[in-house]
């Protein structure tokens, strides 16, 4: 399922990062890599705040839909 549908507070394993090459590189630089752990902290207005690699990152729903957990 896409990260945008994941429930808050539950750790998830990233199975796939989709999108165009530039989008994938951008997300990988933020720490969204296949096999990595990601936890949704909160969702507000379609935007997500997530914990990834000991950092909090805010991403939009369109980016979150490209991350499959």
PDB file of N, CA and C in Angstrom:
ATOM      1  N   UNK A   1       0.845  -1.184   0.000  1.00  0.00           N
ATOM      2  CA  UNK A   1       0.000   0.000   0.000  1.00  0.00           C
ATOM      3  C   UNK A   1       0.886   1.241   0.000  1.00  0.00           C
ATOM      4  N   UNK A   2       0.386   2.357  -0.510  1.00  0.00           N
ATOM      5  CA  UNK A   2       1.179   3.585  -0.486  1.00  0.00           C
ATOM      6  C   UNK A   2       1.348   4.114   0.935  1.00  0.00           C
ATOM      7  N   UNK A   3       2.431   4.828   1.173  1.00  0.00           N
ATOM      8  CA  UNK A   3       2.718   5.383   2.492  1.00  0.00           C
ATOM      9  C   UNK A   3       1.599   6.310   2.966  1.00  0.00           C
ATOM     10  N   UNK A   4       0.914   6.961   2.039  1.00  0.00           N
ATOM     11  CA  UNK A   4      -0.158   7.892   2.413  1.00  0.00           C
ATOM     12  C   UNK A   4      -1.321   7.193   3.114  1.00  0.00           C
ATOM     13  N   UNK A   5      -1.435   5.859   2.960  1.00  0.00           N
ATOM     14  CA  UNK A   5      -2.515   5.102   3.592  1.00  0.00           C
ATOM     15  C   UNK A   5      -2.066   4.402   4.877  1.00  0.00           C
ATOM     16  N   UNK A   6      -0.793   4.508   5.229  1.00  0.00           N
ATOM     17  CA  UNK A   6      -0.266   3.852   6.429  1.00  0.00           C
ATOM     18  C   UNK A   6      -0.794   4.549   7.681  1.00  0.00           C
ATOM     19  N   UNK A   7      -1.015   3.764   8.733  1.00  0.00           N
ATOM     20  CA  UNK A   7      -1.509   4.344   9.981  1.00  0.00           C
ATOM     21  C   UNK A   7      -0.363   4.957  10.777  1.00  0.00           C
ATOM     22  N   UNK A   8      -0.679   6.028  11.494  1.00  0.00           N
ATOM     23  CA  UNK A   8       0.332   6.765  12.249  1.00  0.00           C
ATOM     24  C   UNK A   8       0.842   5.940  13.421  1.00  0.00           C
ATOM     25  N   UNK A   9       2.139   6.051  13.698  1.00  0.00           N
ATOM     26  CA  UNK A   9       2.753   5.395  14.842  1.00  0.00           C
ATOM     27  C   UNK A   9       3.214   3.976  14.604  1.00  0.00           C
ATOM     28  N   UNK A  10       2.892   3.401  13.451  1.00  0.00           N
ATOM     29  CA  UNK A  10       3.274   2.011  13.166  1.00  0.00           C
ATOM     30  C   UNK A  10       4.454   1.986  12.193  1.00  0.00           C
ATOM     31  N   UNK A  11       5.570   1.332  12.574  1.00  0.00           N
ATOM     32  CA  UNK A  11       6.715   1.258  11.654  1.00  0.00           C
ATOM     33  C   UNK A  11       6.387   0.409  10.426  1.00  0.00           C
ATOM     34  N   UNK A  12       6.855   0.839   9.274  1.00  0.00           N
ATOM     35  CA  UNK A  12       6.635   0.129   8.016  1.00  0.00           C
ATOM     36  C   UNK A  12       7.962  -0.048   7.294  1.00  0.00           C
ATOM     37  N   UNK A  13       8.069  -1.142   6.546  1.00  0.00           N
ATOM     38  CA  UNK A  13       9.254  -1.387   5.720  1.00  0.00           C
ATOM     39  C   UNK A  13       8.941  -0.895   4.314  1.00  0.00           C
ATOM     40  N   UNK A  14       9.861  -0.128   3.742  1.00  0.00           N
ATOM     41  CA  UNK A  14       9.685   0.377   2.376  1.00  0.00           C
ATOM     42  C   UNK A  14       9.949  -0.763   1.400  1.00  0.00           C
ATOM     43  N   UNK A  15       8.955  -1.081   0.581  1.00  0.00           N
ATOM     44  CA  UNK A  15       9.082  -2.174  -0.382  1.00  0.00           C
ATOM     45  C   UNK A  15       9.541  -1.675  -1.749  1.00  0.00           C
ATOM     46  N   UNK A  16       9.102  -0.448  -2.118  1.00  0.00           N
ATOM     47  CA  UNK A  16       9.439   0.081  -3.439  1.00  0.00           C
ATOM     48  C   UNK A  16       9.293   1.594  -3.422  1.00  0.00           C
ATOM     49  N   UNK A  17      10.162   2.258  -4.156  1.00  0.00           N
ATOM     50  CA  UNK A  17      10.051   3.702  -4.364  1.00  0.00           C
ATOM     51  C   UNK A  17       9.836   3.912  -5.854  1.00  0.00           C
ATOM     52  N   UNK A  18       8.679   4.446  -6.217  1.00  0.00           N
ATOM     53  CA  UNK A  18       8.325   4.615  -7.622  1.00  0.00           C
ATOM     54  C   UNK A  18       8.528   6.036  -8.102  1.00  0.00           C
ATOM     55  N   UNK A  19       8.013   6.304  -9.295  1.00  0.00           N
ATOM     56  CA  UNK A  19       8.108   7.639  -9.882  1.00  0.00           C
ATOM     57  C   UNK A  19       9.235   7.730 -10.891  1.00  0.00           C
ATOM     58  N   UNK A  20       9.410   8.945 -11.416  1.00  0.00           N
ATOM     59  CA  UNK A  20      10.481   9.186 -12.382  1.00  0.00           C
ATOM     60  C   UNK A  20      11.841   9.113 -11.696  1.00  0.00           C
ATOM     61  N   UNK A  21      12.884   9.032 -12.499  1.00  0.00           N
ATOM     62  CA  UNK A  21      14.253   8.890 -11.976  1.00  0.00           C
ATOM     63  C   UNK A  21      14.603  10.028 -11.013  1.00  0.00           C
ATOM     64  N   UNK A  22      14.260  11.251 -11.373  1.00  0.00           N
ATOM     65  CA  UNK A  22      14.585  12.403 -10.520  1.00  0.00           C
ATOM     66  C   UNK A  22      13.841  12.319  -9.184  1.00  0.00           C
ATOM     67  N   UNK A  23      12.591  11.878  -9.232  1.00  0.00           N
ATOM     68  CA  UNK A  23      11.793  11.744  -8.006  1.00  0.00           C
ATOM     69  C   UNK A  23      12.384  10.669  -7.109  1.00  0.00           C
ATOM     70  N   UNK A  24      12.760   9.530  -7.694  1.00  0.00           N
ATOM     71  CA  UNK A  24      13.350   8.444  -6.908  1.00  0.00           C
ATOM     72  C   UNK A  24      14.648   8.887  -6.255  1.00  0.00           C
ATOM     73  N   UNK A  25      15.501   9.598  -6.993  1.00  0.00           N
ATOM     74  CA  UNK A  25      16.775  10.090  -6.441  1.00  0.00           C
ATOM     75  C   UNK A  25      16.518  11.046  -5.286  1.00  0.00           C
ATOM     76  N   UNK A  26      15.549  11.950  -5.449  1.00  0.00           N
ATOM     77  CA  UNK A  26      15.211  12.907  -4.401  1.00  0.00           C
ATOM     78  C   UNK A  26      14.781  12.183  -3.130  1.00  0.00           C
ATOM     79  N   UNK A  27      13.890  11.190  -3.273  1.00  0.00           N
ATOM     80  CA  UNK A  27      13.403  10.446  -2.117  1.00  0.00           C
ATOM     81  C   UNK A  27      14.514   9.611  -1.487  1.00  0.00           C
ATOM     82  N   UNK A  28      15.383   9.030  -2.308  1.00  0.00           N
ATOM     83  CA  UNK A  28      16.508   8.260  -1.771  1.00  0.00           C
ATOM     84  C   UNK A  28      17.444   9.155  -0.964  1.00  0.00           C
ATOM     85  N   UNK A  29      17.662  10.373  -1.418  1.00  0.00           N
ATOM     86  CA  UNK A  29      18.522  11.311  -0.683  1.00  0.00           C
ATOM     87  C   UNK A  29      17.919  11.691   0.659  1.00  0.00           C
ATOM     88  N   UNK A  30      16.593  11.644   0.761  1.00  0.00           N
ATOM     89  CA  UNK A  30      15.926  11.917   2.039  1.00  0.00           C
ATOM     90  C   UNK A  30      15.968  10.702   2.967  1.00  0.00           C
ATOM     91  N   UNK A  31      16.313   9.539   2.427  1.00  0.00           N
ATOM     92  CA  UNK A  31      16.399   8.333   3.251  1.00  0.00           C
ATOM     93  C   UNK A  31      15.360   7.281   2.931  1.00  0.00           C
ATOM     94  N   UNK A  32      14.519   7.525   1.928  1.00  0.00           N
ATOM     95  CA  UNK A  32      13.494   6.555   1.544  1.00  0.00           C
ATOM     96  C   UNK A  32      14.091   5.549   0.571  1.00  0.00           C
ATOM     97  N   UNK A  33      14.681   4.477   1.123  1.00  0.00           N
ATOM     98  CA  UNK A  33      15.317   3.444   0.306  1.00  0.00           C
ATOM     99  C   UNK A  33      14.612   2.109   0.549  1.00  0.00           C
ATOM    100  N   UNK A  34      14.617   1.261  -0.450  1.00  0.00           N
ATOM    101  CA  UNK A  34      14.004  -0.064  -0.340  1.00  0.00           C
ATOM    102  C   UNK A  34      14.627  -0.826   0.820  1.00  0.00           C
ATOM    103  N   UNK A  35      13.764  -1.377   1.685  1.00  0.00           N
ATOM    104  CA  UNK A  35      14.227  -2.116   2.848  1.00  0.00           C
ATOM    105  C   UNK A  35      14.360  -1.259   4.094  1.00  0.00           C
ATOM    106  N   UNK A  36      14.267   0.051   3.948  1.00  0.00           N
ATOM    107  CA  UNK A  36      14.379   0.959   5.089  1.00  0.00           C
ATOM    108  C   UNK A  36      13.080   1.027   5.884  1.00  0.00           C
ATOM    109  N   UNK A  37      13.184   1.537   7.105  1.00  0.00           N
ATOM    110  CA  UNK A  37      12.017   1.679   7.971  1.00  0.00           C
ATOM    111  C   UNK A  37      11.511   3.117   7.922  1.00  0.00           C
ATOM    112  N   UNK A  38      10.183   3.247   7.914  1.00  0.00           N
ATOM    113  CA  UNK A  38       9.554   4.567   7.916  1.00  0.00           C
ATOM    114  C   UNK A  38       8.313   4.512   8.810  1.00  0.00           C
ATOM    115  N   UNK A  39       8.108   5.539   9.617  1.00  0.00           N
ATOM    116  CA  UNK A  39       6.956   5.623  10.512  1.00  0.00           C
ATOM    117  C   UNK A  39       6.243   6.944  10.288  1.00  0.00           C
ATOM    118  N   UNK A  40       4.932   6.883  10.044  1.00  0.00           N
ATOM    119  CA  UNK A  40       4.137   8.100   9.891  1.00  0.00           C
ATOM    120  C   UNK A  40       3.911   8.696  11.279  1.00  0.00           C
ATOM    121  N   UNK A  41       4.288   9.962  11.463  1.00  0.00           N
ATOM    122  CA  UNK A  41       4.086  10.650  12.733  1.00  0.00           C
ATOM    123  C   UNK A  41       2.709  11.303  12.752  1.00  0.00           C
ATOM    124  N   UNK A  42       2.371  12.036  11.689  1.00  0.00           N
ATOM    125  CA  UNK A  42       1.057  12.671  11.613  1.00  0.00           C
ATOM    126  C   UNK A  42       0.697  12.996  10.169  1.00  0.00           C
ATOM    127  N   UNK A  43      -0.604  13.180   9.949  1.00  0.00           N
ATOM    128  CA  UNK A  43      -1.122  13.585   8.645  1.00  0.00           C
ATOM    129  C   UNK A  43      -1.988  14.819   8.845  1.00  0.00           C
ATOM    130  N   UNK A  44      -1.689  15.874   8.091  1.00  0.00           N
ATOM    131  CA  UNK A  44      -2.501  17.087   8.159  1.00  0.00           C
ATOM    132  C   UNK A  44      -2.683  17.643   6.765  1.00  0.00           C
ATOM    133  N   UNK A  45      -3.925  17.777   6.361  1.00  0.00           N
ATOM    134  CA  UNK A  45      -4.235  18.369   5.063  1.00  0.00           C
ATOM    135  C   UNK A  45      -3.589  17.677   3.881  1.00  0.00           C
ATOM    136  N   UNK A  46      -3.430  16.377   3.950  1.00  0.00           N
ATOM    137  CA  UNK A  46      -2.829  15.631   2.848  1.00  0.00           C
ATOM    138  C   UNK A  46      -1.324  15.523   2.934  1.00  0.00           C
ATOM    139  N   UNK A  47      -0.690  16.308   3.799  1.00  0.00           N
ATOM    140  CA  UNK A  47       0.757  16.232   3.983  1.00  0.00           C
ATOM    141  C   UNK A  47       1.075  15.289   5.133  1.00  0.00           C
ATOM    142  N   UNK A  48       2.224  14.625   5.046  1.00  0.00           N
ATOM    143  CA  UNK A  48       2.626  13.678   6.072  1.00  0.00           C
ATOM    144  C   UNK A  48       3.933  14.112   6.707  1.00  0.00           C
ATOM    145  N   UNK A  49       4.041  13.877   8.003  1.00  0.00           N
ATOM    146  CA  UNK A  49       5.314  14.009   8.697  1.00  0.00           C
ATOM    147  C   UNK A  49       5.722  12.593   9.063  1.00  0.00           C
ATOM    148  N   UNK A  50       6.913  12.187   8.621  1.00  0.00           N
ATOM    149  CA  UNK A  50       7.362  10.813   8.832  1.00  0.00           C
ATOM    150  C   UNK A  50       8.740  10.793   9.474  1.00  0.00           C
ATOM    151  N   UNK A  51       9.004   9.727  10.224  1.00  0.00           N
ATOM    152  CA  UNK A  51      10.339   9.453  10.746  1.00  0.00           C
ATOM    153  C   UNK A  51      11.016   8.495   9.783  1.00  0.00           C
ATOM    154  N   UNK A  52      12.168   8.891   9.285  1.00  0.00           N
ATOM    155  CA  UNK A  52      12.945   8.015   8.418  1.00  0.00           C
ATOM    156  C   UNK A  52      14.416   8.255   8.743  1.00  0.00           C
ATOM    157  N   UNK A  53      15.156   7.189   9.031  1.00  0.00           N
ATOM    158  CA  UNK A  53      16.580   7.267   9.376  1.00  0.00           C
ATOM    159  C   UNK A  53      16.832   8.290  10.477  1.00  0.00           C
ATOM    160  N   UNK A  54      16.099   8.209  11.571  1.00  0.00           N
ATOM    161  CA  UNK A  54      16.273   9.079  12.738  1.00  0.00           C
ATOM    162  C   UNK A  54      16.059  10.563  12.440  1.00  0.00           C
ATOM    163  N   UNK A  55      15.324  10.881  11.379  1.00  0.00           N
ATOM    164  CA  UNK A  55      15.006  12.265  11.042  1.00  0.00           C
ATOM    165  C   UNK A  55      13.516  12.377  10.763  1.00  0.00           C
ATOM    166  N   UNK A  56      12.977  13.563  11.030  1.00  0.00           N
ATOM    167  CA  UNK A  56      11.587  13.826  10.672  1.00  0.00           C
ATOM    168  C   UNK A  56      11.561  14.589   9.360  1.00  0.00           C
ATOM    169  N   UNK A  57      10.729  14.096   8.436  1.00  0.00           N
ATOM    170  CA  UNK A  57      10.645  14.695   7.110  1.00  0.00           C
ATOM    171  C   UNK A  57       9.181  14.940   6.792  1.00  0.00           C
ATOM    172  N   UNK A  58       8.876  16.099   6.220  1.00  0.00           N
ATOM    173  CA  UNK A  58       7.519  16.396   5.764  1.00  0.00           C
ATOM    174  C   UNK A  58       7.465  16.188   4.256  1.00  0.00           C
ATOM    175  N   UNK A  59       6.484  15.406   3.818  1.00  0.00           N
ATOM    176  CA  UNK A  59       6.312  15.178   2.374  1.00  0.00           C
ATOM    177  C   UNK A  59       4.842  15.328   2.025  1.00  0.00           C
ATOM    178  N   UNK A  60       4.572  15.657   0.767  1.00  0.00           N
ATOM    179  CA  UNK A  60       3.209  15.802   0.283  1.00  0.00           C
ATOM    180  C   UNK A  60       2.595  14.456  -0.052  1.00  0.00           C
ATOM    181  N   UNK A  61       1.283  14.450  -0.214  1.00  0.00           N
ATOM    182  CA  UNK A  61       0.568  13.216  -0.523  1.00  0.00           C
ATOM    183  C   UNK A  61       1.035  12.611  -1.847  1.00  0.00           C
ATOM    184  N   UNK A  62       1.333  13.456  -2.847  1.00  0.00           N
ATOM    185  CA  UNK A  62       1.773  12.928  -4.144  1.00  0.00           C
ATOM    186  C   UNK A  62       3.091  12.168  -4.021  1.00  0.00           C
ATOM    187  N   UNK A  63       4.017  12.670  -3.202  1.00  0.00           N
ATOM    188  CA  UNK A  63       5.274  11.955  -2.957  1.00  0.00           C
ATOM    189  C   UNK A  63       5.019  10.683  -2.152  1.00  0.00           C
ATOM    190  N   UNK A  64       4.154  10.771  -1.150  1.00  0.00           N
ATOM    191  CA  UNK A  64       3.859   9.615  -0.289  1.00  0.00           C
ATOM    192  C   UNK A  64       3.221   8.494  -1.100  1.00  0.00           C
ATOM    193  N   UNK A  65       2.464   8.830  -2.139  1.00  0.00           N
ATOM    194  CA  UNK A  65       1.833   7.805  -2.972  1.00  0.00           C
ATOM    195  C   UNK A  65       2.859   7.028  -3.794  1.00  0.00           C
ATOM    196  N   UNK A  66       4.042   7.577  -3.988  1.00  0.00           N
ATOM    197  CA  UNK A  66       5.097   6.897  -4.762  1.00  0.00           C
ATOM    198  C   UNK A  66       5.916   5.939  -3.895  1.00  0.00           C
ATOM    199  N   UNK A  67       5.728   6.001  -2.575  1.00  0.00           N
ATOM    200  CA  UNK A  67       6.470   5.139  -1.653  1.00  0.00           C
ATOM    201  C   UNK A  67       5.554   3.991  -1.225  1.00  0.00           C
ATOM    202  N   UNK A  68       5.906   2.776  -1.599  1.00  0.00           N
ATOM    203  CA  UNK A  68       5.089   1.593  -1.301  1.00  0.00           C
ATOM    204  C   UNK A  68       5.660   0.895  -0.079  1.00  0.00           C
ATOM    205  N   UNK A  69       4.783   0.641   0.916  1.00  0.00           N
ATOM    206  CA  UNK A  69       5.202  -0.046   2.145  1.00  0.00           C
ATOM    207  C   UNK A  69       4.455  -1.354   2.288  1.00  0.00           C
TER     208      UNK A  69
END
